PDB file of all heavy atoms in Angstrom:
ATOM      1  N   ALA A   1      50.554 105.268 154.063  1.00  0.00           N
ATOM      2  CA  ALA A   1      49.207 105.223 153.497  1.00  0.00           C
ATOM      3  C   ALA A   1      49.047 104.046 152.541  1.00  0.00           C
ATOM      4  O   ALA A   1      48.029 103.339 152.560  1.00  0.00           O
ATOM      5  CB  ALA A   1      48.903 106.543 152.783  1.00  0.00           C
ATOM      6  N   ILE A   2      50.053 103.822 151.706  1.00  0.00           N
ATOM      7  CA  ILE A   2      49.972 102.715 150.744  1.00  0.00           C
ATOM      8  C   ILE A   2      49.971 101.374 151.461  1.00  0.00           C
ATOM      9  O   ILE A   2      49.263 100.437 151.061  1.00  0.00           O
ATOM     10  CB  ILE A   2      51.130 102.798 149.735  1.00  0.00           C
ATOM     11  CG1 ILE A   2      51.012 104.065 148.884  1.00  0.00           C
ATOM     12  CG2 ILE A   2      51.161 101.560 148.844  1.00  0.00           C
ATOM     13  CD1 ILE A   2      49.747 104.170 148.064  1.00  0.00           C
ATOM     14  N   LYS A   3      50.764 101.237 152.533  1.00  0.00           N
ATOM     15  CA  LYS A   3      50.792  99.972 153.271  1.00  0.00           C
ATOM     16  C   LYS A   3      49.417  99.662 153.867  1.00  0.00           C
ATOM     17  O   LYS A   3      49.030  98.495 153.982  1.00  0.00           O
ATOM     18  CB  LYS A   3      51.856 100.011 154.363  1.00  0.00           C
ATOM     19  CG  LYS A   3      53.288 100.033 153.838  1.00  0.00           C
ATOM     20  CD  LYS A   3      53.610  98.813 152.984  1.00  0.00           C
ATOM     21  CE  LYS A   3      55.050  98.825 152.525  1.00  0.00           C
ATOM     22  NZ  LYS A   3      55.382  97.658 151.668  1.00  0.00           N
ATOM     23  N   GLN A   4      48.664 100.699 154.234  1.00  0.00           N
ATOM     24  CA  GLN A   4      47.304 100.466 154.718  1.00  0.00           C
ATOM     25  C   GLN A   4      46.394  99.946 153.602  1.00  0.00           C
ATOM     26  O   GLN A   4      45.434  99.230 153.864  1.00  0.00           O
ATOM     27  CB  GLN A   4      46.722 101.763 155.284  1.00  0.00           C
ATOM     28  CG  GLN A   4      47.407 102.260 156.549  1.00  0.00           C
ATOM     29  CD  GLN A   4      46.794 103.557 157.044  1.00  0.00           C
ATOM     30  OE1 GLN A   4      45.576 103.632 157.288  1.00  0.00           O
ATOM     31  NE2 GLN A   4      47.619 104.586 157.201  1.00  0.00           N
ATOM     32  N   CYS A   5      46.751 100.302 152.376  1.00  0.00           N
ATOM     33  CA  CYS A   5      45.952  99.870 151.222  1.00  0.00           C
ATOM     34  C   CYS A   5      46.386  98.498 150.685  1.00  0.00           C
ATOM     35  O   CYS A   5      45.694  97.924 149.839  1.00  0.00           O
ATOM     36  CB  CYS A   5      46.077 100.873 150.079  1.00  0.00           C
ATOM     37  SG  CYS A   5      45.566 102.549 150.444  1.00  0.00           S
ATOM     38  N   GLU A   6      47.518  98.006 151.145  1.00  0.00           N
ATOM     39  CA  GLU A   6      48.149  96.845 150.515  1.00  0.00           C
ATOM     40  C   GLU A   6      47.226  95.630 150.372  1.00  0.00           C
ATOM     41  O   GLU A   6      47.210  95.001 149.305  1.00  0.00           O
ATOM     42  CB  GLU A   6      49.419  96.460 151.283  1.00  0.00           C
ATOM     43  CG  GLU A   6      50.250  95.406 150.580  1.00  0.00           C
ATOM     44  CD  GLU A   6      51.538  95.104 151.338  1.00  0.00           C
ATOM     45  OE1 GLU A   6      51.454  94.789 152.551  1.00  0.00           O
ATOM     46  OE2 GLU A   6      52.623  95.185 150.730  1.00  0.00           O
ATOM     47  N   PRO A   7      46.431  95.240 151.383  1.00  0.00           N
ATOM     48  CA  PRO A   7      45.576  94.046 151.209  1.00  0.00           C
ATOM     49  C   PRO A   7      44.656  94.141 149.995  1.00  0.00           C
ATOM     50  O   PRO A   7      44.452  93.146 149.287  1.00  0.00           O
ATOM     51  CB  PRO A   7      44.784  93.991 152.515  1.00  0.00           C
ATOM     52  CG  PRO A   7      45.669  94.671 153.518  1.00  0.00           C
ATOM     53  CD  PRO A   7      46.340  95.775 152.750  1.00  0.00           C
ATOM     54  N   ALA A   8      44.136  95.331 149.733  1.00  0.00           N
ATOM     55  CA  ALA A   8      43.260  95.501 148.571  1.00  0.00           C
ATOM     56  C   ALA A   8      44.070  95.572 147.283  1.00  0.00           C
ATOM     57  O   ALA A   8      43.670  95.005 146.253  1.00  0.00           O
ATOM     58  CB  ALA A   8      42.413  96.760 148.732  1.00  0.00           C
ATOM     59  N   LEU A   9      45.222  96.245 147.315  1.00  0.00           N
ATOM     60  CA  LEU A   9      46.008  96.447 146.099  1.00  0.00           C
ATOM     61  C   LEU A   9      46.540  95.132 145.543  1.00  0.00           C
ATOM     62  O   LEU A   9      46.557  94.923 144.327  1.00  0.00           O
ATOM     63  CB  LEU A   9      47.175  97.398 146.376  1.00  0.00           C
ATOM     64  CG  LEU A   9      46.845  98.819 146.829  1.00  0.00           C
ATOM     65  CD1 LEU A   9      48.128  99.628 146.992  1.00  0.00           C
ATOM     66  CD2 LEU A   9      45.903  99.510 145.865  1.00  0.00           C
ATOM     67  N   VAL A  10      47.013  94.237 146.411  1.00  0.00           N
ATOM     68  CA  VAL A  10      47.677  93.023 145.926  1.00  0.00           C
ATOM     69  C   VAL A  10      46.698  91.942 145.492  1.00  0.00           C
ATOM     70  O   VAL A  10      47.114  90.926 144.927  1.00  0.00           O
ATOM     71  CB  VAL A  10      48.617  92.444 147.005  1.00  0.00           C
ATOM     72  CG1 VAL A  10      49.701  93.449 147.353  1.00  0.00           C
ATOM     73  CG2 VAL A  10      47.857  92.002 148.250  1.00  0.00           C
ATOM     74  N   SER A  11      45.429  92.153 145.741  1.00  0.00           N
ATOM     75  CA  SER A  11      44.462  91.096 145.438  1.00  0.00           C
ATOM     76  C   SER A  11      43.413  91.508 144.416  1.00  0.00           C
ATOM     77  O   SER A  11      42.465  90.762 144.166  1.00  0.00           O
ATOM     78  CB  SER A  11      43.763  90.646 146.730  1.00  0.00           C
ATOM     79  OG  SER A  11      43.183  91.748 147.401  1.00  0.00           O
ATOM     80  N   SER A  12      43.589  92.692 143.811  1.00  0.00           N
ATOM     81  CA  SER A  12      42.601  93.123 142.813  1.00  0.00           C
ATOM     82  C   SER A  12      43.224  94.144 141.877  1.00  0.00           C
ATOM     83  O   SER A  12      44.250  94.743 142.187  1.00  0.00           O
ATOM     84  CB  SER A  12      41.375  93.734 143.505  1.00  0.00           C
ATOM     85  OG  SER A  12      41.739  94.876 144.269  1.00  0.00           O
ATOM     86  N   TYR A  13      42.577  94.317 140.742  1.00  0.00           N
ATOM     87  CA  TYR A  13      42.975  95.367 139.808  1.00  0.00           C
ATOM     88  C   TYR A  13      42.029  96.556 139.980  1.00  0.00           C
ATOM     89  O   TYR A  13      40.886  96.400 140.425  1.00  0.00           O
ATOM     90  CB  TYR A  13      42.914  94.859 138.367  1.00  0.00           C
ATOM     91  CG  TYR A  13      44.027  93.922 138.011  1.00  0.00           C
ATOM     92  CD1 TYR A  13      43.885  92.549 138.203  1.00  0.00           C
ATOM     93  CD2 TYR A  13      45.229  94.390 137.488  1.00  0.00           C
ATOM     94  CE1 TYR A  13      44.907  91.668 137.884  1.00  0.00           C
ATOM     95  CE2 TYR A  13      46.261  93.515 137.160  1.00  0.00           C
ATOM     96  CZ  TYR A  13      46.098  92.154 137.368  1.00  0.00           C
ATOM     97  OH  TYR A  13      47.116  91.298 137.055  1.00  0.00           O
ATOM     98  N   ALA A  14      42.507  97.729 139.606  1.00  0.00           N
ATOM     99  CA  ALA A  14      41.726  98.939 139.809  1.00  0.00           C
ATOM    100  C   ALA A  14      40.527  98.999 138.872  1.00  0.00           C
ATOM    101  O   ALA A  14      40.611  98.621 137.699  1.00  0.00           O
ATOM    102  CB  ALA A  14      42.599 100.166 139.601  1.00  0.00           C
ATOM    103  N   THR A  15      39.432  99.494 139.421  1.00  0.00           N
ATOM    104  CA  THR A  15      38.274  99.868 138.619  1.00  0.00           C
ATOM    105  C   THR A  15      38.280 101.386 138.481  1.00  0.00           C
ATOM    106  O   THR A  15      38.331 102.110 139.485  1.00  0.00           O
ATOM    107  CB  THR A  15      36.970  99.412 139.293  1.00  0.00           C
ATOM    108  OG1 THR A  15      36.976  97.998 139.423  1.00  0.00           O
ATOM    109  CG2 THR A  15      35.763  99.837 138.461  1.00  0.00           C
ATOM    110  N   LEU A  16      38.236 101.860 137.249  1.00  0.00           N
ATOM    111  CA  LEU A  16      38.364 103.295 136.986  1.00  0.00           C
ATOM    112  C   LEU A  16      37.003 103.931 136.772  1.00  0.00           C
ATOM    113  O   LEU A  16      36.179 103.428 135.994  1.00  0.00           O
ATOM    114  CB  LEU A  16      39.245 103.517 135.751  1.00  0.00           C
ATOM    115  CG  LEU A  16      39.325 104.945 135.206  1.00  0.00           C
ATOM    116  CD1 LEU A  16      39.930 105.890 136.235  1.00  0.00           C
ATOM    117  CD2 LEU A  16      40.127 104.975 133.911  1.00  0.00           C
ATOM    118  N   THR A  17      36.795 105.062 137.468  1.00  0.00           N
ATOM    119  CA  THR A  17      35.584 105.856 137.288  1.00  0.00           C
ATOM    120  C   THR A  17      35.984 107.297 137.047  1.00  0.00           C
ATOM    121  O   THR A  17      36.804 107.854 137.795  1.00  0.00           O
ATOM    122  CB  THR A  17      34.677 105.778 138.529  1.00  0.00           C
ATOM    123  OG1 THR A  17      34.352 104.419 138.799  1.00  0.00           O
ATOM    124  CG2 THR A  17      33.399 106.581 138.309  1.00  0.00           C
ATOM    125  N   TRP A  18      35.415 107.929 136.010  1.00  0.00           N
ATOM    126  CA  TRP A  18      35.669 109.344 135.757  1.00  0.00           C
ATOM    127  C   TRP A  18      34.728 110.176 136.611  1.00  0.00           C
ATOM    128  O   TRP A  18      33.516 109.986 136.606  1.00  0.00           O
ATOM    129  CB  TRP A  18      35.446 109.662 134.281  1.00  0.00           C
ATOM    130  CG  TRP A  18      36.481 109.030 133.389  1.00  0.00           C
ATOM    131  CD1 TRP A  18      36.398 107.840 132.727  1.00  0.00           C
ATOM    132  CD2 TRP A  18      37.769 109.564 133.094  1.00  0.00           C
ATOM    133  NE1 TRP A  18      37.550 107.580 132.028  1.00  0.00           N
ATOM    134  CE2 TRP A  18      38.425 108.631 132.235  1.00  0.00           C
ATOM    135  CE3 TRP A  18      38.455 110.722 133.464  1.00  0.00           C
ATOM    136  CZ2 TRP A  18      39.704 108.822 131.749  1.00  0.00           C
ATOM    137  CZ3 TRP A  18      39.723 110.927 132.979  1.00  0.00           C
ATOM    138  CH2 TRP A  18      40.346 109.986 132.135  1.00  0.00           C
ATOM    139  N   LEU A  19      35.298 111.125 137.347  1.00  0.00           N
ATOM    140  CA  LEU A  19      34.513 111.986 138.234  1.00  0.00           C
ATOM    141  C   LEU A  19      34.314 113.373 137.648  1.00  0.00           C
ATOM    142  O   LEU A  19      33.681 114.225 138.273  1.00  0.00           O
ATOM    143  CB  LEU A  19      35.208 112.104 139.593  1.00  0.00           C
ATOM    144  CG  LEU A  19      35.477 110.788 140.327  1.00  0.00           C
ATOM    145  CD1 LEU A  19      36.244 111.045 141.619  1.00  0.00           C
ATOM    146  CD2 LEU A  19      34.172 110.051 140.614  1.00  0.00           C
ATOM    147  N   GLY A  20      34.858 113.617 136.478  1.00  0.00           N
ATOM    148  CA  GLY A  20      34.794 114.913 135.832  1.00  0.00           C
ATOM    149  C   GLY A  20      36.042 115.121 135.002  1.00  0.00           C
ATOM    150  O   GLY A  20      36.914 114.240 134.921  1.00  0.00           O
ATOM    151  N   LYS A  21      36.171 116.293 134.401  1.00  0.00           N
ATOM    152  CA  LYS A  21      37.349 116.586 133.601  1.00  0.00           C
ATOM    153  C   LYS A  21      38.597 116.558 134.474  1.00  0.00           C
ATOM    154  O   LYS A  21      38.670 117.232 135.504  1.00  0.00           O
ATOM    155  CB  LYS A  21      37.206 117.953 132.939  1.00  0.00           C
ATOM    156  CG  LYS A  21      38.372 118.301 132.012  1.00  0.00           C
ATOM    157  CD  LYS A  21      38.187 119.666 131.368  1.00  0.00           C
ATOM    158  CE  LYS A  21      39.371 119.994 130.463  1.00  0.00           C
ATOM    159  NZ  LYS A  21      39.233 121.350 129.857  1.00  0.00           N
ATOM    160  N   ASN A  22      39.578 115.773 134.073  1.00  0.00           N
ATOM    161  CA  ASN A  22      40.840 115.604 134.803  1.00  0.00           C
ATOM    162  C   ASN A  22      40.645 115.017 136.193  1.00  0.00           C
ATOM    163  O   ASN A  22      41.523 115.136 137.054  1.00  0.00           O
ATOM    164  CB  ASN A  22      41.589 116.941 134.936  1.00  0.00           C
ATOM    165  CG  ASN A  22      42.058 117.467 133.603  1.00  0.00           C
ATOM    166  OD1 ASN A  22      42.488 116.708 132.738  1.00  0.00           O
ATOM    167  ND2 ASN A  22      41.968 118.782 133.419  1.00  0.00           N
ATOM    168  N   LEU A  23      39.525 114.352 136.436  1.00  0.00           N
ATOM    169  CA  LEU A  23      39.219 113.791 137.756  1.00  0.00           C
ATOM    170  C   LEU A  23      38.906 112.306 137.628  1.00  0.00           C
ATOM    171  O   LEU A  23      38.094 111.901 136.783  1.00  0.00           O
ATOM    172  CB  LEU A  23      38.026 114.519 138.383  1.00  0.00           C
ATOM    173  CG  LEU A  23      38.175 116.030 138.573  1.00  0.00           C
ATOM    174  CD1 LEU A  23      36.850 116.670 138.961  1.00  0.00           C
ATOM    175  CD2 LEU A  23      39.239 116.323 139.634  1.00  0.00           C
ATOM    176  N   GLU A  24      39.546 111.498 138.460  1.00  0.00           N
ATOM    177  CA  GLU A  24      39.377 110.048 138.388  1.00  0.00           C
ATOM    178  C   GLU A  24      39.284 109.442 139.777  1.00  0.00           C
ATOM    179  O   GLU A  24      39.835 109.987 140.738  1.00  0.00           O
ATOM    180  CB  GLU A  24      40.555 109.382 137.666  1.00  0.00           C
ATOM    181  CG  GLU A  24      40.654 109.660 136.189  1.00  0.00           C
ATOM    182  CD  GLU A  24      41.867 108.977 135.574  1.00  0.00           C
ATOM    183  OE1 GLU A  24      42.672 108.369 136.319  1.00  0.00           O
ATOM    184  OE2 GLU A  24      42.009 109.055 134.341  1.00  0.00           O
ATOM    185  N   ALA A  25      38.627 108.295 139.852  1.00  0.00           N
ATOM    186  CA  ALA A  25      38.651 107.444 141.044  1.00  0.00           C
ATOM    187  C   ALA A  25      39.122 106.064 140.619  1.00  0.00           C
ATOM    188  O   ALA A  25      38.573 105.477 139.678  1.00  0.00           O
ATOM    189  CB  ALA A  25      37.268 107.360 141.678  1.00  0.00           C
ATOM    190  N   HIS A  26      40.158 105.571 141.263  1.00  0.00           N
ATOM    191  CA  HIS A  26      40.655 104.211 141.051  1.00  0.00           C
ATOM    192  C   HIS A  26      40.349 103.424 142.315  1.00  0.00           C
ATOM    193  O   HIS A  26      40.835 103.764 143.402  1.00  0.00           O
ATOM    194  CB  HIS A  26      42.159 104.213 140.782  1.00  0.00           C
ATOM    195  CG  HIS A  26      42.547 104.883 139.504  1.00  0.00           C
ATOM    196  ND1 HIS A  26      43.014 104.197 138.414  1.00  0.00           N
ATOM    197  CD2 HIS A  26      42.521 106.195 139.137  1.00  0.00           C
ATOM    198  CE1 HIS A  26      43.277 105.039 137.429  1.00  0.00           C
ATOM    199  NE2 HIS A  26      42.980 106.258 137.849  1.00  0.00           N
ATOM    200  N   VAL A  27      39.555 102.382 142.172  1.00  0.00           N
ATOM    201  CA  VAL A  27      39.079 101.633 143.332  1.00  0.00           C
ATOM    202  C   VAL A  27      39.576 100.199 143.257  1.00  0.00           C
ATOM    203  O   VAL A  27      39.449  99.526 142.215  1.00  0.00           O
ATOM    204  CB  VAL A  27      37.536 101.658 143.417  1.00  0.00           C
ATOM    205  CG1 VAL A  27      37.062 100.867 144.629  1.00  0.00           C
ATOM    206  CG2 VAL A  27      37.026 103.094 143.481  1.00  0.00           C
ATOM    207  N   PHE A  28      40.177  99.735 144.359  1.00  0.00           N
ATOM    208  CA  PHE A  28      40.616  98.346 144.498  1.00  0.00           C
ATOM    209  C   PHE A  28      39.730  97.687 145.546  1.00  0.00           C
ATOM    210  O   PHE A  28      39.655  98.153 146.689  1.00  0.00           O
ATOM    211  CB  PHE A  28      42.079  98.288 144.959  1.00  0.00           C
ATOM    212  CG  PHE A  28      43.051  98.868 143.972  1.00  0.00           C
ATOM    213  CD1 PHE A  28      43.292 100.238 143.934  1.00  0.00           C
ATOM    214  CD2 PHE A  28      43.743  98.050 143.086  1.00  0.00           C
ATOM    215  CE1 PHE A  28      44.199 100.781 143.041  1.00  0.00           C
ATOM    216  CE2 PHE A  28      44.653  98.586 142.183  1.00  0.00           C
ATOM    217  CZ  PHE A  28      44.876  99.952 142.153  1.00  0.00           C
ATOM    218  N   LYS A  29      39.080  96.598 145.145  1.00  0.00           N
ATOM    219  CA  LYS A  29      38.194  95.891 146.084  1.00  0.00           C
ATOM    220  C   LYS A  29      38.401  94.400 145.896  1.00  0.00           C
ATOM    221  O   LYS A  29      38.169  93.856 144.814  1.00  0.00           O
ATOM    222  CB  LYS A  29      36.736  96.274 145.848  1.00  0.00           C
ATOM    223  CG  LYS A  29      35.784  95.758 146.901  1.00  0.00           C
ATOM    224  CD  LYS A  29      34.410  96.352 146.739  1.00  0.00           C
ATOM    225  CE  LYS A  29      33.436  95.845 147.799  1.00  0.00           C
ATOM    226  NZ  LYS A  29      33.865  96.176 149.161  1.00  0.00           N
ATOM    227  N   SER A  30      38.878  93.751 146.955  1.00  0.00           N
ATOM    228  CA  SER A  30      39.155  92.321 146.870  1.00  0.00           C
ATOM    229  C   SER A  30      37.913  91.526 147.232  1.00  0.00           C
ATOM    230  O   SER A  30      36.968  92.043 147.838  1.00  0.00           O
ATOM    231  CB  SER A  30      40.296  91.950 147.808  1.00  0.00           C
ATOM    232  OG  SER A  30      39.908  92.127 149.157  1.00  0.00           O
ATOM    233  N   GLU A  31      37.914  90.250 146.873  1.00  0.00           N
ATOM    234  CA  GLU A  31      36.778  89.384 147.166  1.00  0.00           C
ATOM    235  C   GLU A  31      36.579  89.212 148.667  1.00  0.00           C
ATOM    236  O   GLU A  31      35.474  89.010 149.136  1.00  0.00           O
ATOM    237  CB  GLU A  31      36.991  88.021 146.505  1.00  0.00           C
ATOM    238  CG  GLU A  31      36.988  88.074 144.983  1.00  0.00           C
ATOM    239  CD  GLU A  31      37.185  86.696 144.372  1.00  0.00           C
ATOM    240  OE1 GLU A  31      37.317  85.720 145.148  1.00  0.00           O
ATOM    241  OE2 GLU A  31      37.211  86.598 143.129  1.00  0.00           O
ATOM    242  N   SER A  32      37.680  89.296 149.418  1.00  0.00           N
ATOM    243  CA  SER A  32      37.586  89.098 150.864  1.00  0.00           C
ATOM    244  C   SER A  32      37.109  90.340 151.604  1.00  0.00           C
ATOM    245  O   SER A  32      36.889  90.283 152.811  1.00  0.00           O
ATOM    246  CB  SER A  32      38.936  88.661 151.428  1.00  0.00           C
ATOM    247  OG  SER A  32      39.918  89.648 151.149  1.00  0.00           O
ATOM    248  N   GLY A  33      37.008  91.455 150.894  1.00  0.00           N
ATOM    249  CA  GLY A  33      36.416  92.616 151.517  1.00  0.00           C
ATOM    250  C   GLY A  33      37.203  93.898 151.540  1.00  0.00           C
ATOM    251  O   GLY A  33      36.609  94.983 151.459  1.00  0.00           O
ATOM    252  N   PRO A  34      38.563  93.875 151.683  1.00  0.00           N
ATOM    253  CA  PRO A  34      39.295  95.147 151.763  1.00  0.00           C
ATOM    254  C   PRO A  34      39.053  96.031 150.538  1.00  0.00           C
ATOM    255  O   PRO A  34      38.991  95.550 149.403  1.00  0.00           O
ATOM    256  CB  PRO A  34      40.756  94.698 151.839  1.00  0.00           C
ATOM    257  CG  PRO A  34      40.717  93.329 152.395  1.00  0.00           C
ATOM    258  CD  PRO A  34      39.454  92.717 151.843  1.00  0.00           C
ATOM    259  N   CYS A  35      38.956  97.326 150.795  1.00  0.00           N
ATOM    260  CA  CYS A  35      38.699  98.291 149.729  1.00  0.00           C
ATOM    261  C   CYS A  35      39.646  99.472 149.905  1.00  0.00           C
ATOM    262  O   CYS A  35      39.911  99.915 151.024  1.00  0.00           O
ATOM    263  CB  CYS A  35      37.252  98.771 149.800  1.00  0.00           C
ATOM    264  SG  CYS A  35      36.786  99.982 148.535  1.00  0.00           S
ATOM    265  N   ALA A  36      40.211  99.947 148.798  1.00  0.00           N
ATOM    266  CA  ALA A  36      41.066 101.131 148.824  1.00  0.00           C
ATOM    267  C   ALA A  36      40.771 101.960 147.584  1.00  0.00           C
ATOM    268  O   ALA A  36      40.443 101.413 146.521  1.00  0.00           O
ATOM    269  CB  ALA A  36      42.538 100.743 148.864  1.00  0.00           C
ATOM    270  N   ALA A  37      40.899 103.288 147.731  1.00  0.00           N
ATOM    271  CA  ALA A  37      40.577 104.166 146.612  1.00  0.00           C
ATOM    272  C   ALA A  37      41.624 105.271 146.492  1.00  0.00           C
ATOM    273  O   ALA A  37      42.207 105.718 147.490  1.00  0.00           O
ATOM    274  CB  ALA A  37      39.189 104.774 146.785  1.00  0.00           C
ATOM    275  N   PHE A  38      41.833 105.699 145.238  1.00  0.00           N
ATOM    276  CA  PHE A  38      42.691 106.827 144.909  1.00  0.00           C
ATOM    277  C   PHE A  38      41.838 107.834 144.151  1.00  0.00           C
ATOM    278  O   PHE A  38      41.275 107.500 143.093  1.00  0.00           O
ATOM    279  CB  PHE A  38      43.863 106.398 144.029  1.00  0.00           C
ATOM    280  CG  PHE A  38      44.838 105.460 144.674  1.00  0.00           C
ATOM    281  CD1 PHE A  38      44.509 104.125 144.890  1.00  0.00           C
ATOM    282  CD2 PHE A  38      46.093 105.905 145.060  1.00  0.00           C
ATOM    283  CE1 PHE A  38      45.405 103.251 145.467  1.00  0.00           C
ATOM    284  CE2 PHE A  38      47.002 105.034 145.643  1.00  0.00           C
ATOM    285  CZ  PHE A  38      46.656 103.707 145.850  1.00  0.00           C
ATOM    286  N   LEU A  39      41.728 109.045 144.675  1.00  0.00           N
ATOM    287  CA  LEU A  39      40.972 110.108 144.011  1.00  0.00           C
ATOM    288  C   LEU A  39      41.972 111.105 143.449  1.00  0.00           C
ATOM    289  O   LEU A  39      42.786 111.664 144.189  1.00  0.00           O
ATOM    290  CB  LEU A  39      40.036 110.793 144.999  1.00  0.00           C
ATOM    291  CG  LEU A  39      39.082 109.875 145.770  1.00  0.00           C
ATOM    292  CD1 LEU A  39      38.186 110.697 146.691  1.00  0.00           C
ATOM    293  CD2 LEU A  39      38.250 109.011 144.830  1.00  0.00           C
ATOM    294  N   SER A  40      41.895 111.350 142.132  1.00  0.00           N
ATOM    295  CA  SER A  40      42.953 112.086 141.443  1.00  0.00           C
ATOM    296  C   SER A  40      42.424 113.318 140.738  1.00  0.00           C
ATOM    297  O   SER A  40      41.363 113.270 140.087  1.00  0.00           O
ATOM    298  CB  SER A  40      43.634 111.182 140.409  1.00  0.00           C
ATOM    299  OG  SER A  40      44.067 109.982 141.017  1.00  0.00           O
ATOM    300  N   ASN A  41      43.197 114.403 140.866  1.00  0.00           N
ATOM    301  CA  ASN A  41      42.924 115.643 140.137  1.00  0.00           C
ATOM    302  C   ASN A  41      44.157 115.957 139.304  1.00  0.00           C
ATOM    303  O   ASN A  41      45.203 116.319 139.845  1.00  0.00           O
ATOM    304  CB  ASN A  41      42.627 116.781 141.115  1.00  0.00           C
ATOM    305  CG  ASN A  41      42.412 118.110 140.402  1.00  0.00           C
ATOM    306  OD1 ASN A  41      42.297 118.163 139.173  1.00  0.00           O
ATOM    307  ND2 ASN A  41      42.366 119.196 141.164  1.00  0.00           N
ATOM    308  N   TYR A  42      44.053 115.822 137.980  1.00  0.00           N
ATOM    309  CA  TYR A  42      45.195 116.003 137.092  1.00  0.00           C
ATOM    310  C   TYR A  42      45.364 117.436 136.614  1.00  0.00           C
ATOM    311  O   TYR A  42      46.309 117.749 135.898  1.00  0.00           O
ATOM    312  CB  TYR A  42      45.067 115.093 135.861  1.00  0.00           C
ATOM    313  CG  TYR A  42      44.953 113.624 136.195  1.00  0.00           C
ATOM    314  CD1 TYR A  42      44.235 112.767 135.376  1.00  0.00           C
ATOM    315  CD2 TYR A  42      45.550 113.108 137.330  1.00  0.00           C
ATOM    316  CE1 TYR A  42      44.125 111.412 135.677  1.00  0.00           C
ATOM    317  CE2 TYR A  42      45.451 111.765 137.644  1.00  0.00           C
ATOM    318  CZ  TYR A  42      44.732 110.918 136.813  1.00  0.00           C
ATOM    319  OH  TYR A  42      44.627 109.592 137.120  1.00  0.00           O
ATOM    320  N   ASP A  43      44.467 118.313 137.013  1.00  0.00           N
ATOM    321  CA  ASP A  43      44.555 119.708 136.577  1.00  0.00           C
ATOM    322  C   ASP A  43      45.703 120.390 137.313  1.00  0.00           C
ATOM    323  O   ASP A  43      45.764 120.360 138.544  1.00  0.00           O
ATOM    324  CB  ASP A  43      43.241 120.437 136.862  1.00  0.00           C
ATOM    325  CG  ASP A  43      43.164 121.772 136.141  1.00  0.00           C
ATOM    326  OD1 ASP A  43      44.013 122.649 136.423  1.00  0.00           O
ATOM    327  OD2 ASP A  43      42.277 121.947 135.296  1.00  0.00           O
ATOM    328  N   PRO A  44      46.639 121.042 136.595  1.00  0.00           N
ATOM    329  CA  PRO A  44      47.785 121.659 137.261  1.00  0.00           C
ATOM    330  C   PRO A  44      47.480 123.010 137.900  1.00  0.00           C
ATOM    331  O   PRO A  44      48.348 123.570 138.578  1.00  0.00           O
ATOM    332  CB  PRO A  44      48.799 121.816 136.129  1.00  0.00           C
ATOM    333  CG  PRO A  44      47.972 121.949 134.899  1.00  0.00           C
ATOM    334  CD  PRO A  44      46.754 121.094 135.120  1.00  0.00           C
TER     335      PRO A  44
END
């Protein structure tokens, strides 16, 4: 899964968006177009 994200990861830094309590979206979007996202739930 990460290798599929690699073009976006190596060419940009994450943009962080809060989706709620203990919830985050980290988005990598390069100038050339590739986009990858991580949606996180930190609640145990």
